[in-house]
């Protein structure tokens, strides 16, 4: 695999970016739509699917399960079952993709058996899968651990409907059991369900194809089991709210006049409210957000990540970069993932004044001039936060391990260049003189 890095010439805090930047289809929605294709008896056509590494991994998993996966153009996928579908997820691919866990529900529901390794993905704290195993047991499945892989099977070849209470409102847990319930015998009720827009989006897709689901977007979702689904018309993936939010934060920091198009501002109400309360000038339309420069000092704030509609954990890292430029002391409380604040050590090297209280809490004092550094992207979201920090900083920066960023953001450097960012992707062995 080719190793790439970003070379970024910082703006030194100057608010000069302007123009229009587009938002692609949501990674976290597209992956689940592809997983849902396992529940269909015929071809599924999905549009607005981002061209990112996680999507390619999911396509590979489906291919090896026995589905024909065809890509048409840049963002359309056609997925169709063959006569021979197998129950085993490719170990090599699944270990590299945390979201692979959501395929287990549809496979188990369709075939009565599934085998998979412990899922991989970003290293941002412990991610036990007990929640999934316990839920499958409640639906009548047996769980075995064989040579590092989980083998889950049903006695009758079908899952049974069950009442599943989630100890935490897990997005992937909610989606997995919602899809499993579509083909289960009887009624499945998910309590303390996650309420993210991606869940509602997935439910609407399934319902439009014949599933019986009610309550998506609320803490209680009810699924009445039935037969295999059939798509009536192509489905378009929703816009990526995390990508839109990241661009909004970047615009708040260094934009003169930036229009973020092809997004849904309703999905970012808590971020927009927080930035406005800090002094950022933001205007919203139905499918766009406009952010303009402000001469006023931004006010500090306290951020506590929480399940939707709370502040997204996936926007915590870029928001922390914003807080390094606010005047005063801010507090960030990461409640979702342990270890997700470790990236702040690199921001401190850039000049940020951040005090780590414990693995979940930091204090940020600003404004702090940031200076270009050589950075290593630790995960998908912190990787993009480093790109934002490098753009804000003075001098040049190198961001290594761009593969992590590519997992969730399609050719982000090309879109950033269009609004005035001096950023280049180069092979890892190449160096820019003077760094």
Protein backbone atom coordinates (compact mmCIF):
# COMPACT_ATOMS: atom_id res chain seq x y z
CA UNK A 1 0.00 0.00 0.00
CA UNK A 2 1.32 3.41 -0.94
CA UNK A 3 2.11 5.63 2.01
CA UNK A 4 1.21 9.27 1.57
CA UNK A 5 1.45 12.41 3.60
CA UNK A 6 0.13 15.95 3.43
CA UNK A 7 2.38 18.97 3.14
CA UNK A 8 0.55 22.04 4.40
CA UNK A 9 1.60 25.68 4.39
CA UNK A 10 -0.17 27.34 7.29
CA UNK A 11 -2.07 30.62 7.18
CA UNK A 12 -0.78 31.85 10.53
CA UNK A 13 -4.34 32.50 11.66
CA UNK A 14 -5.13 34.76 8.71
CA UNK A 15 -8.78 34.51 7.66
CA UNK A 16 -8.37 34.19 3.93
CA UNK A 17 -10.18 31.05 2.76
CA UNK A 18 -13.16 31.68 0.53
CA UNK A 19 -15.33 29.94 -2.01
CA UNK A 20 -17.52 26.85 -2.01
CA UNK A 21 -16.73 23.41 -0.61
CA UNK A 22 -18.96 20.40 -1.12
CA UNK A 23 -19.92 17.66 1.33
CA UNK A 24 -19.95 14.04 0.20
CA UNK A 25 -22.21 11.18 1.19
CA UNK A 26 -21.96 10.13 4.83
CA UNK A 27 -19.45 7.40 5.54
CA UNK A 28 -21.42 6.18 8.54
CA UNK A 29 -24.63 6.03 6.50
CA UNK A 30 -23.16 4.51 3.34
CA UNK A 31 -21.45 1.64 5.16
CA UNK A 32 -24.74 0.62 6.78
CA UNK A 33 -26.70 0.89 3.52
CA UNK A 34 -24.20 -1.49 1.95
CA UNK A 35 -24.51 -3.87 4.90
CA UNK A 36 -28.30 -3.74 4.56
CA UNK A 37 -28.04 -5.04 0.98
CA UNK A 38 -27.55 -8.49 2.55
CA UNK A 39 -31.25 -8.41 3.47
CA UNK A 40 -32.40 -8.09 -0.16
CA UNK A 41 -33.48 -10.80 -2.60
CA UNK A 42 -32.47 -8.81 -5.66
CA UNK A 43 -30.25 -5.92 -6.77
CA UNK A 44 -29.75 -2.82 -4.63
CA UNK A 45 -28.67 0.48 -6.19
CA UNK A 46 -27.01 3.00 -3.87
CA UNK A 47 -26.00 6.53 -4.87
CA UNK A 48 -23.83 9.27 -3.35
CA UNK A 49 -21.48 6.69 -1.84
CA UNK A 50 -18.13 8.33 -0.98
CA UNK A 51 -14.98 7.00 -2.63
CA UNK A 52 -13.09 6.17 0.57
CA UNK A 53 -11.13 3.25 1.94
CA UNK A 54 -13.81 2.01 4.36
CA UNK A 55 -16.29 1.74 1.50
CA UNK A 56 -13.81 -0.29 -0.55
CA UNK A 57 -13.27 -2.61 2.42
CA UNK A 58 -17.04 -3.08 2.79
CA UNK A 59 -17.36 -3.84 -0.93
CA UNK A 60 -14.62 -6.43 -0.54
CA UNK A 61 -16.40 -8.05 2.41
CA UNK A 62 -19.65 -8.26 0.43
CA UNK A 63 -17.84 -9.70 -2.57
CA UNK A 64 -16.29 -12.45 -0.46
CA UNK A 65 -19.65 -13.19 1.16
CA UNK A 66 -21.05 -13.97 -2.28
CA UNK A 67 -22.51 -10.70 -3.51
CA UNK A 68 -21.81 -9.12 -6.87
CA UNK A 69 -20.62 -5.58 -6.22
CA UNK A 70 -20.37 -3.22 -9.20
CA UNK A 71 -19.29 0.39 -9.04
CA UNK A 72 -20.67 2.71 -11.69
CA UNK A 73 -19.10 6.13 -11.98
CA UNK A 74 -17.61 7.61 -8.85
CA UNK A 75 -20.42 7.21 -6.36
CA UNK A 76 -22.96 4.58 -7.45
CA UNK A 77 -22.86 0.95 -6.31
CA UNK A 78 -24.99 -1.96 -7.49
CA UNK A 79 -25.06 -4.92 -5.11
CA UNK A 80 -26.75 -8.22 -5.91
CA UNK A 81 -26.77 -11.62 -4.18
CA UNK A 82 -25.47 -14.67 -6.02
CA UNK A 83 -26.79 -18.20 -5.57
CA UNK A 84 -23.98 -19.01 -3.18
CA UNK A 85 -23.79 -16.72 -0.14
CA UNK A 86 -21.45 -17.77 2.66
CA UNK A 87 -21.56 -16.91 6.34
CA UNK A 88 -17.89 -16.09 6.97
CA UNK A 89 -16.57 -12.52 6.91
CA UNK A 90 -13.09 -12.20 5.44
CA UNK A 91 -10.81 -12.11 8.46
CA UNK A 92 -8.14 -9.99 6.78
CA UNK A 93 -10.57 -7.27 5.71
CA UNK A 94 -12.86 -7.33 8.77
CA UNK A 95 -9.93 -6.77 11.12
CA UNK A 96 -9.18 -3.50 9.32
CA UNK A 97 -12.74 -2.21 9.45
CA UNK A 98 -14.50 -1.56 12.77
CA UNK A 99 -17.84 -1.12 11.01
CA UNK A 100 -17.61 -4.73 9.81
CA UNK A 101 -19.53 -5.68 12.95
CA UNK A 102 -22.77 -4.35 11.41
CA UNK A 103 -22.62 -6.99 8.68
CA UNK A 104 -22.98 -9.73 11.30
CA UNK A 105 -26.64 -8.94 12.00
CA UNK A 106 -27.84 -9.16 8.39
CA UNK A 107 -25.73 -12.27 7.65
CA UNK A 108 -26.97 -14.04 10.78
CA UNK A 109 -30.56 -13.05 10.03
CA UNK A 110 -30.37 -14.30 6.43
CA UNK A 111 -28.29 -17.47 6.83
CA UNK A 112 -28.74 -18.42 10.47
CA UNK A 113 -24.99 -18.39 11.00
CA UNK A 114 -22.08 -15.95 10.88
CA UNK A 115 -18.35 -16.18 11.54
CA UNK A 116 -16.16 -13.13 12.03
CA UNK A 117 -12.97 -11.92 13.76
CA UNK A 118 -12.84 -9.23 16.41
CA UNK A 119 -13.41 -6.03 14.37
CA UNK A 120 -10.62 -3.53 13.78
CA UNK A 121 -10.53 0.17 12.87
CA UNK A 122 -9.18 3.20 14.68
CA UNK A 123 -7.30 2.70 17.94
CA UNK A 124 -9.21 5.08 20.21
CA UNK A 125 -9.91 3.04 23.30
CA UNK A 126 -11.55 -0.25 24.14
CA UNK A 127 -14.47 -1.32 22.00
CA UNK A 128 -15.89 -4.54 23.45
CA UNK A 129 -18.48 -6.40 21.42
CA UNK A 130 -20.31 -7.94 24.39
CA UNK A 131 -23.29 -5.74 23.53
CA UNK A 132 -23.61 -7.48 20.15
CA UNK A 133 -23.05 -10.99 21.49
CA UNK A 134 -25.58 -10.51 24.31
CA UNK A 135 -28.16 -9.18 21.86
CA UNK A 136 -27.74 -12.10 19.50
CA UNK A 137 -28.14 -14.50 22.43
CA UNK A 138 -31.43 -12.81 23.34
CA UNK A 139 -32.54 -13.43 19.75
CA UNK A 140 -31.94 -17.15 20.22
CA UNK A 141 -28.42 -17.52 18.83
CA UNK A 142 -25.54 -19.52 20.26
CA UNK A 143 -22.10 -17.88 20.49
CA UNK A 144 -18.79 -19.73 20.30
CA UNK A 145 -15.21 -18.42 20.26
CA UNK A 146 -13.06 -20.58 17.99
CA UNK A 147 -9.42 -19.80 17.27
CA UNK A 148 -9.83 -16.05 17.62
CA UNK A 149 -13.06 -15.88 15.65
CA UNK A 150 -16.66 -15.71 16.79
CA UNK A 151 -19.11 -18.25 15.40
CA UNK A 152 -22.76 -17.40 15.99
CA UNK A 153 -25.54 -19.72 14.91
CA UNK A 154 -29.26 -20.34 15.33
CA UNK A 155 -30.94 -23.69 15.92
CA UNK A 156 -33.80 -23.21 13.46
CA UNK A 157 -31.93 -21.17 10.86
CA UNK A 158 -33.72 -17.98 11.89
CA UNK A 159 -33.34 -15.45 14.66
CA UNK A 160 -36.22 -14.86 17.01
CA UNK A 161 -37.62 -11.45 17.79
CA UNK A 162 -36.59 -10.19 21.23
CA UNK A 163 -36.57 -7.19 23.51
CA UNK A 164 -33.05 -5.77 23.60
CA UNK A 165 -32.07 -3.06 26.06
CA UNK A 166 -28.80 -1.36 25.14
CA UNK A 167 -26.68 -0.46 28.16
CA UNK A 168 -25.41 2.48 26.16
CA UNK A 169 -27.21 3.92 23.09
CA UNK A 170 -24.76 2.39 20.62
CA UNK A 171 -25.17 3.50 17.01
CA UNK A 172 -23.72 0.33 15.51
CA UNK A 173 -25.61 -1.80 18.03
CA UNK A 174 -28.90 -0.12 17.16
CA UNK A 175 -28.27 -0.51 13.43
CA UNK A 176 -27.12 -4.13 13.73
CA UNK A 177 -30.16 -5.31 15.71
CA UNK A 178 -32.54 -3.23 13.59
CA UNK A 179 -31.28 -5.01 10.46
CA UNK A 180 -31.25 -8.40 12.20
CA UNK A 181 -34.85 -7.88 13.27
CA UNK A 182 -36.00 -7.35 9.67
CA UNK A 183 -35.69 -11.08 8.91
CA UNK A 184 -36.23 -12.42 12.45
CA UNK A 185 -39.28 -14.43 13.45
CA UNK A 186 -41.62 -12.18 15.41
CA UNK A 187 -41.11 -8.69 16.82
CA UNK A 188 -37.86 -7.12 17.96
CA UNK A 189 -37.89 -4.10 20.27
CA UNK A 190 -34.70 -2.07 20.82
CA UNK A 191 -34.78 0.07 23.94
CA UNK A 192 -32.35 2.89 24.76
CA UNK A 193 -31.67 2.98 21.02
CA UNK A 194 -29.32 5.55 19.52
CA UNK A 195 -31.05 8.42 17.71
CA UNK A 196 -28.44 9.57 15.18
CA UNK A 197 -29.71 10.77 11.77
CA UNK A 198 -27.90 7.86 10.12
CA UNK A 199 -30.20 5.42 11.98
CA UNK A 200 -33.34 7.18 10.79
CA UNK A 201 -31.86 7.24 7.28
CA UNK A 202 -31.19 3.49 7.35
CA UNK A 203 -34.68 2.76 8.67
CA UNK A 204 -36.29 4.85 5.92
CA UNK A 205 -34.31 2.90 3.32
CA UNK A 206 -35.41 -0.44 4.79
CA UNK A 207 -39.05 0.62 5.16
CA UNK A 208 -39.16 1.87 1.56
CA UNK A 209 -38.09 -1.64 0.54
CA UNK A 210 -40.69 -3.55 2.55
CA UNK A 211 -39.40 -3.67 6.14
CA UNK A 212 -41.74 -2.93 9.05
CA UNK A 213 -39.91 -0.55 11.37
CA UNK A 214 -41.30 2.15 13.63
CA UNK A 215 -39.73 4.51 16.15
CA UNK A 216 -36.37 5.10 14.44
CA UNK A 217 -34.99 8.39 15.74
CA UNK A 218 -36.49 7.74 19.19
CA UNK A 219 -35.17 5.67 22.14
CA UNK A 220 -37.50 2.76 21.28
CA UNK A 221 -37.49 1.06 17.87
CA UNK A 222 -39.89 -1.74 16.95
CA UNK A 223 -39.19 -4.13 14.07
CA UNK A 224 -41.68 -6.72 12.85
CA UNK A 225 -39.86 -9.51 11.10
CA UNK A 226 -40.67 -10.61 7.57
CA UNK A 227 -39.11 -11.84 4.37
CA UNK A 228 -36.28 -10.64 2.13
CA UNK A 229 -36.60 -7.08 0.92
CA UNK A 230 -36.87 -5.65 -2.60
CA UNK A 231 -35.79 -2.16 -3.61
CA UNK A 232 -38.30 -0.04 -5.51
CA UNK A 233 -35.96 2.77 -6.60
CA UNK A 234 -32.27 3.76 -6.18
CA UNK A 235 -31.43 5.15 -2.76
CA UNK A 236 -29.18 8.19 -2.18
CA UNK A 237 -26.97 8.32 0.90
CA UNK A 238 -27.43 11.32 3.18
CA UNK A 239 -24.70 14.00 3.42
CA UNK A 240 -21.87 13.53 5.92
CA UNK A 241 -22.61 15.71 8.94
CA UNK A 242 -19.16 15.11 10.43
CA UNK A 243 -17.45 16.27 7.24
CA UNK A 244 -19.75 19.31 7.09
CA UNK A 245 -19.04 20.09 10.74
CA UNK A 246 -15.29 19.81 10.23
CA UNK A 247 -15.43 22.24 7.30
CA UNK A 248 -17.57 24.60 9.39
CA UNK A 249 -15.00 24.63 12.19
CA UNK A 250 -12.21 25.25 9.68
CA UNK A 251 -14.23 28.11 8.19
CA UNK A 252 -14.82 29.63 11.62
CA UNK A 253 -11.08 29.68 12.18
CA UNK A 254 -9.62 30.89 8.89
CA UNK A 255 -12.34 31.71 6.33
CA UNK A 256 -13.16 35.09 4.86
CA UNK A 257 -16.38 33.82 3.32
CA UNK A 258 -17.00 30.07 2.97
CA UNK A 259 -20.11 28.30 1.68
CA UNK A 260 -20.48 24.64 2.66
CA UNK A 261 -22.93 23.05 0.22
CA UNK A 262 -24.76 19.71 -0.08
CA UNK A 263 -25.24 19.35 3.67
CA UNK A 264 -28.09 19.34 6.19
CA UNK A 265 -27.69 22.08 8.84
CA UNK A 266 -30.40 20.42 10.96
CA UNK A 267 -27.95 17.61 11.70
CA UNK A 268 -25.47 20.11 13.18
CA UNK A 269 -27.68 22.20 15.43
CA UNK A 270 -25.54 21.76 18.55
CA UNK A 271 -22.30 22.68 16.73
CA UNK A 272 -23.85 25.69 14.99
CA UNK A 273 -25.29 26.90 18.29
CA UNK A 274 -21.95 26.48 20.07
CA UNK A 275 -20.02 28.35 17.38
CA UNK A 276 -22.57 31.15 17.23
CA UNK A 277 -22.43 31.55 21.02
CA UNK A 278 -18.66 31.88 20.68
CA UNK A 279 -19.07 34.72 18.16
CA UNK A 280 -18.88 32.98 14.77
CA UNK A 281 -21.06 34.44 11.98
CA UNK A 282 -23.09 31.60 10.49
CA UNK A 283 -26.03 31.63 8.08
CA UNK A 284 -27.93 28.49 7.13
CA UNK A 285 -30.15 27.50 4.23
CA UNK A 286 -31.90 24.20 3.60
CA UNK A 287 -28.84 22.48 2.12
CA UNK A 288 -25.94 24.80 2.94
CA UNK A 289 -24.06 26.67 5.66
CA UNK A 290 -22.23 29.95 5.19
CA UNK A 291 -19.53 31.10 7.60
CA UNK A 292 -17.88 34.53 7.45
CA UNK A 293 -14.95 36.07 9.27
CA UNK A 294 -15.47 37.96 12.49
CA UNK A 295 -13.09 40.53 13.96
CA UNK A 296 -14.33 39.82 17.47
CA UNK A 297 -12.42 37.50 19.77
CA UNK A 298 -14.11 34.13 20.04
CA UNK A 299 -15.45 33.26 23.46
CA UNK A 300 -14.41 30.05 25.25
CA UNK A 301 -16.93 27.33 26.03
CA UNK A 302 -17.35 23.95 27.65
CA UNK A 303 -17.89 20.93 25.42
CA UNK A 304 -19.24 17.56 26.57
CA UNK A 305 -19.56 14.86 23.95
CA UNK A 306 -22.77 12.91 24.02
CA UNK A 307 -24.89 10.66 21.87
CA UNK A 308 -27.10 12.49 19.35
CA UNK A 309 -28.50 15.10 19.62
CA UNK A 310 -25.57 15.92 21.90
CA UNK A 311 -22.16 17.13 20.75
CA UNK A 312 -20.65 14.48 18.39
CA UNK A 313 -17.55 12.72 19.63
CA UNK A 314 -16.35 12.70 16.00
CA UNK A 315 -16.20 16.53 16.04
CA UNK A 316 -14.49 16.78 19.40
CA UNK A 317 -10.93 16.90 17.98
CA UNK A 318 -11.47 19.69 15.40
CA UNK A 319 -13.52 21.59 18.00
CA UNK A 320 -10.58 21.42 20.40
CA UNK A 321 -8.44 23.04 17.70
CA UNK A 322 -11.05 25.82 17.55
CA UNK A 323 -10.89 26.28 21.32
CA UNK A 324 -7.11 26.82 21.18
CA UNK A 325 -7.96 30.05 19.35
CA UNK A 326 -10.75 31.22 21.69
CA UNK A 327 -9.94 33.82 24.33
CA UNK A 328 -10.08 32.27 27.77
CA UNK A 329 -10.38 28.83 29.33
CA UNK A 330 -12.48 26.03 27.84
CA UNK A 331 -13.27 22.59 29.17
CA UNK A 332 -13.66 19.46 27.04
CA UNK A 333 -15.22 16.29 28.44
CA UNK A 334 -15.01 13.23 26.14
CA UNK A 335 -17.64 10.82 27.44
CA UNK A 336 -17.78 8.27 24.62
CA UNK A 337 -14.27 6.89 24.02
CA UNK A 338 -11.39 6.42 26.42
CA UNK A 339 -8.10 7.51 24.89
CA UNK A 340 -9.63 9.83 22.32
CA UNK A 341 -7.85 12.86 23.81
CA UNK A 342 -4.34 11.49 23.32
CA UNK A 343 -3.93 13.51 20.11
CA UNK A 344 -3.76 16.71 22.20
CA UNK A 345 -0.08 16.02 22.93
CA UNK A 346 0.64 16.91 19.30
CA UNK A 347 -1.38 20.14 19.56
CA UNK A 348 0.70 21.07 22.60
CA UNK A 349 3.85 20.58 20.51
CA UNK A 350 2.34 23.02 18.03
CA UNK A 351 1.99 25.62 20.78
CA UNK A 352 -1.46 24.92 22.23
CA UNK A 353 -1.95 25.28 25.97
CA UNK A 354 -3.85 22.14 26.93
CA UNK A 355 -3.86 20.43 30.31
CA UNK A 356 -4.89 16.80 30.52
CA UNK A 357 -6.97 16.21 33.64
CA UNK A 358 -7.58 12.49 33.02
CA UNK A 359 -8.21 10.28 29.95
CA UNK A 360 -11.61 11.94 29.46
CA UNK A 361 -11.10 15.62 30.35
CA UNK A 362 -8.89 18.49 29.23
CA UNK A 363 -8.65 22.24 29.87
CA UNK A 364 -7.80 24.43 26.87
CA UNK A 365 -6.47 27.98 27.31
CA UNK A 366 -6.36 30.39 24.42
CA UNK A 367 -5.71 32.03 22.17
CA UNK A 368 -2.46 30.22 21.45
CA UNK A 369 -0.46 30.79 18.26
CA UNK A 370 0.10 27.42 16.60
CA UNK A 371 3.31 26.56 14.73
CA UNK A 372 3.84 24.05 11.97
CA UNK A 373 5.15 20.63 13.00
CA UNK A 374 5.58 17.09 11.75
CA UNK A 375 2.46 15.21 12.83
CA UNK A 376 1.31 11.59 12.77
CA UNK A 377 -2.39 10.99 12.22
CA UNK A 378 -3.49 8.64 15.05
CA UNK A 379 -7.05 8.03 13.81
CA UNK A 380 -9.61 9.25 11.31
CA UNK A 381 -11.04 12.24 13.19
CA UNK A 382 -7.87 13.41 14.94
CA UNK A 383 -6.12 13.14 11.58
CA UNK A 384 -8.42 15.73 10.03
CA UNK A 385 -8.11 17.86 13.17
CA UNK A 386 -4.35 17.92 12.55
CA UNK A 387 -5.01 19.13 9.01
CA UNK A 388 -7.18 21.93 10.44
CA UNK A 389 -4.51 22.82 13.01
CA UNK A 390 -1.81 22.85 10.33
CA UNK A 391 -3.89 25.23 8.18
CA UNK A 392 -4.38 27.57 11.15
CA UNK A 393 -0.71 27.42 12.20
CA UNK A 394 2.17 29.54 11.00
CA UNK A 395 4.85 27.83 8.94
CA UNK A 396 4.83 24.43 7.28
CA UNK A 397 3.50 21.13 8.59
CA UNK A 398 3.68 17.51 7.51
CA UNK A 399 0.82 15.17 8.36
CA UNK A 400 1.85 11.53 8.08
CA UNK A 401 -0.35 8.42 7.98
CA UNK A 402 -2.86 10.02 5.62
CA UNK A 403 -4.42 6.57 5.16
CA UNK A 404 -6.33 7.17 8.38
CA UNK A 405 -7.83 10.36 6.94
CA UNK A 406 -8.61 8.67 3.63
CA UNK A 407 -10.78 6.17 5.52
CA UNK A 408 -13.43 8.84 5.98
CA UNK A 409 -12.71 11.83 3.74
CA UNK A 410 -12.64 11.50 -0.03
CA UNK A 411 -9.65 13.36 -1.54
CA UNK A 412 -10.08 16.09 1.03
CA UNK A 413 -6.93 17.89 -0.09
CA UNK A 414 -8.43 18.57 -3.54
CA UNK A 415 -11.48 20.24 -2.05
CA UNK A 416 -9.38 22.24 0.41
CA UNK A 417 -7.18 23.55 -2.40
CA UNK A 418 -10.27 24.89 -4.16
CA UNK A 419 -10.98 27.25 -1.26
CA UNK A 420 -7.40 28.48 -0.91
CA UNK A 421 -5.53 25.97 1.25
CA UNK A 422 -1.90 25.30 0.27
CA UNK A 423 -1.91 21.53 0.68
CA UNK A 424 -0.26 18.76 -1.33
CA UNK A 425 -0.31 14.98 -1.14
CA UNK A 426 3.10 13.39 -1.72
CA UNK A 427 4.68 10.00 -1.31
CA UNK A 428 6.03 9.37 2.18
CA UNK A 429 9.67 9.24 1.14
CA UNK A 430 9.55 12.75 -0.36
CA UNK A 431 10.41 15.70 1.86
CA UNK A 432 9.85 19.41 1.58
CA UNK A 433 13.09 21.33 2.01
CA UNK A 434 13.48 23.20 5.26
CA UNK A 435 11.15 21.11 7.42
